Amino acid sequence: MLRVGATLGALAMFATIVVALGTGEPLGAQGAQIGALVWGRVTFVDLGLALVAGWAWIAWRERRVVPAITWLVVTAVTGSGGLLLYVALAARRAHDVPEVLTGRPA
């Protein structure tokens, strides 16, 4: 279930990014409009904290600098799409949930 859910979530997020980029509207201008709203700022902080927490888990799980930095870039560029992709890949390699969480066999 985790494998399928994370894979579908990643695909949905990447599709959303592609559609948004295809509109031709400048990201910076819209970000400024969203940031001007109180709930827009709350959303930016919430998303930022979630992405940092997700990447920190990835870095802890990987324990090597190069993969951790690679996933930092992927997460920074694609947001939750990158996090879901990592979860999907981790779930495919793991035999159970504890191994997904820690990267080590239970």
C-alpha atoms as a PDB file:
ATOM      1  CA  MET A   1       0.000   0.000   0.000  1.00  0.00           C
ATOM      2  CA  LEU A   2       2.862   2.372   0.854  1.00  0.00           C
ATOM      3  CA  ARG A   3       4.609   1.554  -2.419  1.00  0.00           C
ATOM      4  CA  VAL A   4       1.528   2.293  -4.505  1.00  0.00           C
ATOM      5  CA  GLY A   5       0.396   5.332  -2.514  1.00  0.00           C
ATOM      6  CA  ALA A   6       3.813   7.011  -2.532  1.00  0.00           C
ATOM      7  CA  THR A   7       4.289   6.269  -6.234  1.00  0.00           C
ATOM      8  CA  LEU A   8       0.874   7.691  -7.141  1.00  0.00           C
ATOM      9  CA  GLY A   9       1.455  10.721  -4.923  1.00  0.00           C
ATOM     10  CA  ALA A  10       4.835  11.412  -6.538  1.00  0.00           C
ATOM     11  CA  LEU A  11       3.360  11.068 -10.034  1.00  0.00           C
ATOM     12  CA  ALA A  12       0.483  13.400  -9.126  1.00  0.00           C
ATOM     13  CA  MET A  13       2.880  16.006  -7.734  1.00  0.00           C
ATOM     14  CA  PHE A  14       5.199  15.850 -10.749  1.00  0.00           C
ATOM     15  CA  ALA A  15       2.200  16.115 -13.100  1.00  0.00           C
ATOM     16  CA  THR A  16       0.986  19.156 -11.160  1.00  0.00           C
ATOM     17  CA  ILE A  17       4.425  20.779 -11.469  1.00  0.00           C
ATOM     18  CA  VAL A  18       4.524  20.114 -15.230  1.00  0.00           C
ATOM     19  CA  VAL A  19       1.040  21.582 -15.703  1.00  0.00           C
ATOM     20  CA  ALA A  20       1.925  24.651 -13.606  1.00  0.00           C
ATOM     21  CA  LEU A  21       5.152  25.216 -15.559  1.00  0.00           C
ATOM     22  CA  GLY A  22       3.203  24.881 -18.801  1.00  0.00           C
ATOM     23  CA  THR A  23       1.010  27.885 -18.002  1.00  0.00           C
ATOM     24  CA  GLY A  24       3.889  30.253 -18.719  1.00  0.00           C
ATOM     25  CA  GLU A  25       3.046  32.374 -15.678  1.00  0.00           C
ATOM     26  CA  PRO A  26       6.076  33.596 -13.704  1.00  0.00           C
ATOM     27  CA  LEU A  27       6.601  31.729 -10.455  1.00  0.00           C
ATOM     28  CA  GLY A  28       8.061  34.730  -8.628  1.00  0.00           C
ATOM     29  CA  ALA A  29       5.061  36.973  -9.205  1.00  0.00           C
ATOM     30  CA  GLN A  30       2.601  34.377  -7.996  1.00  0.00           C
ATOM     31  CA  GLY A  31       4.789  33.533  -5.004  1.00  0.00           C
ATOM     32  CA  ALA A  32       4.737  37.212  -4.033  1.00  0.00           C
ATOM     33  CA  GLN A  33       0.942  37.287  -4.298  1.00  0.00           C
ATOM     34  CA  ILE A  34       0.605  34.184  -2.150  1.00  0.00           C
ATOM     35  CA  GLY A  35       3.161  35.513   0.349  1.00  0.00           C
ATOM     36  CA  ALA A  36       1.136  38.699   0.714  1.00  0.00           C
ATOM     37  CA  LEU A  37      -1.690  36.672   2.272  1.00  0.00           C
ATOM     38  CA  VAL A  38      -1.506  35.627   5.927  1.00  0.00           C
ATOM     39  CA  TRP A  39      -2.507  32.043   5.126  1.00  0.00           C
ATOM     40  CA  GLY A  40      -0.101  32.067   2.198  1.00  0.00           C
ATOM     41  CA  ARG A  41       2.769  32.791   4.616  1.00  0.00           C
ATOM     42  CA  VAL A  42       1.486  30.107   6.981  1.00  0.00           C
ATOM     43  CA  THR A  43       1.446  27.646   4.076  1.00  0.00           C
ATOM     44  CA  PHE A  44       5.007  28.570   3.035  1.00  0.00           C
ATOM     45  CA  VAL A  45       6.292  28.063   6.592  1.00  0.00           C
ATOM     46  CA  ASP A  46       4.341  24.814   6.958  1.00  0.00           C
ATOM     47  CA  LEU A  47       5.649  23.464   3.651  1.00  0.00           C
ATOM     48  CA  GLY A  48       9.198  24.563   4.418  1.00  0.00           C
ATOM     49  CA  LEU A  49       9.224  22.870   7.815  1.00  0.00           C
ATOM     50  CA  ALA A  50       7.728  19.681   6.387  1.00  0.00           C
ATOM     51  CA  LEU A  51      10.309  19.560   3.597  1.00  0.00           C
ATOM     52  CA  VAL A  52      13.181  20.150   6.035  1.00  0.00           C
ATOM     53  CA  ALA A  53      11.855  17.415   8.346  1.00  0.00           C
ATOM     54  CA  GLY A  54      11.398  15.035   5.416  1.00  0.00           C
ATOM     55  CA  TRP A  55      14.875  15.730   4.090  1.00  0.00           C
ATOM     56  CA  ALA A  56      16.377  15.354   7.592  1.00  0.00           C
ATOM     57  CA  TRP A  57      14.838  11.873   7.753  1.00  0.00           C
ATOM     58  CA  ILE A  58      16.296  11.075   4.332  1.00  0.00           C
ATOM     59  CA  ALA A  59      19.746  12.326   5.394  1.00  0.00           C
ATOM     60  CA  TRP A  60      19.575  10.310   8.635  1.00  0.00           C
ATOM     61  CA  ARG A  61      18.440   7.209   6.759  1.00  0.00           C
ATOM     62  CA  GLU A  62      21.066   7.496   4.017  1.00  0.00           C
ATOM     63  CA  ARG A  63      24.014   8.290   6.334  1.00  0.00           C
ATOM     64  CA  ARG A  64      26.198   9.254   3.338  1.00  0.00           C
ATOM     65  CA  VAL A  65      26.767  12.805   2.191  1.00  0.00           C
ATOM     66  CA  VAL A  66      26.380  12.458  -1.585  1.00  0.00           C
ATOM     67  CA  PRO A  67      22.953  10.752  -1.556  1.00  0.00           C
ATOM     68  CA  ALA A  68      21.762  13.106   1.189  1.00  0.00           C
ATOM     69  CA  ILE A  69      22.794  16.201  -0.791  1.00  0.00           C
ATOM     70  CA  THR A  70      21.317  14.765  -3.985  1.00  0.00           C
ATOM     71  CA  TRP A  71      17.967  14.270  -2.243  1.00  0.00           C
ATOM     72  CA  LEU A  72      18.238  17.767  -0.741  1.00  0.00           C
ATOM     73  CA  VAL A  73      18.381  19.194  -4.270  1.00  0.00           C
ATOM     74  CA  VAL A  74      15.551  16.942  -5.493  1.00  0.00           C
ATOM     75  CA  THR A  75      13.401  17.910  -2.501  1.00  0.00           C
ATOM     76  CA  ALA A  76      14.187  21.628  -2.841  1.00  0.00           C
ATOM     77  CA  VAL A  77      13.248  21.616  -6.532  1.00  0.00           C
ATOM     78  CA  THR A  78      10.221  19.294  -6.506  1.00  0.00           C
ATOM     79  CA  GLY A  79       8.932  19.573  -2.935  1.00  0.00           C
ATOM     80  CA  SER A  80       6.747  16.756  -1.732  1.00  0.00           C
ATOM     81  CA  GLY A  81       7.078  15.058  -5.114  1.00  0.00           C
ATOM     82  CA  GLY A  82      10.715  14.355  -4.294  1.00  0.00           C
ATOM     83  CA  LEU A  83       9.888  13.180  -0.792  1.00  0.00           C
ATOM     84  CA  LEU A  84       7.211  10.829  -2.108  1.00  0.00           C
ATOM     85  CA  LEU A  85       9.584   9.532  -4.766  1.00  0.00           C
ATOM     86  CA  TYR A  86      12.135   8.738  -2.068  1.00  0.00           C
ATOM     87  CA  VAL A  87       9.495   6.949   0.038  1.00  0.00           C
ATOM     88  CA  ALA A  88       8.349   4.964  -3.016  1.00  0.00           C
ATOM     89  CA  LEU A  89      11.918   3.893  -3.831  1.00  0.00           C
ATOM     90  CA  ALA A  90      12.669   3.054  -0.190  1.00  0.00           C
ATOM     91  CA  ALA A  91       9.454   1.025   0.054  1.00  0.00           C
ATOM     92  CA  ARG A  92      10.323  -0.921  -3.103  1.00  0.00           C
ATOM     93  CA  ARG A  93      13.697  -1.936  -1.651  1.00  0.00           C
ATOM     94  CA  ALA A  94      12.430  -2.749   1.841  1.00  0.00           C
ATOM     95  CA  HIS A  95      10.826  -5.930   3.094  1.00  0.00           C
ATOM     96  CA  ASP A  96       8.766  -4.277   5.845  1.00  0.00           C
ATOM     97  CA  VAL A  97       7.841  -0.871   7.286  1.00  0.00           C
ATOM     98  CA  PRO A  98      10.614  -0.746   9.912  1.00  0.00           C
ATOM     99  CA  GLU A  99      13.136  -1.219   7.108  1.00  0.00           C
ATOM    100  CA  VAL A 100      11.491   1.602   5.142  1.00  0.00           C
ATOM    101  CA  LEU A 101      11.804   3.879   8.172  1.00  0.00           C
ATOM    102  CA  THR A 102      15.375   3.008   9.167  1.00  0.00           C
ATOM    103  CA  GLY A 103      16.953   1.644   6.024  1.00  0.00           C
ATOM    104  CA  ARG A 104      18.020  -1.475   7.918  1.00  0.00           C
ATOM    105  CA  PRO A 105      16.423  -4.908   8.091  1.00  0.00           C
ATOM    106  CA  ALA A 106      14.372  -5.453  11.240  1.00  0.00           C
END
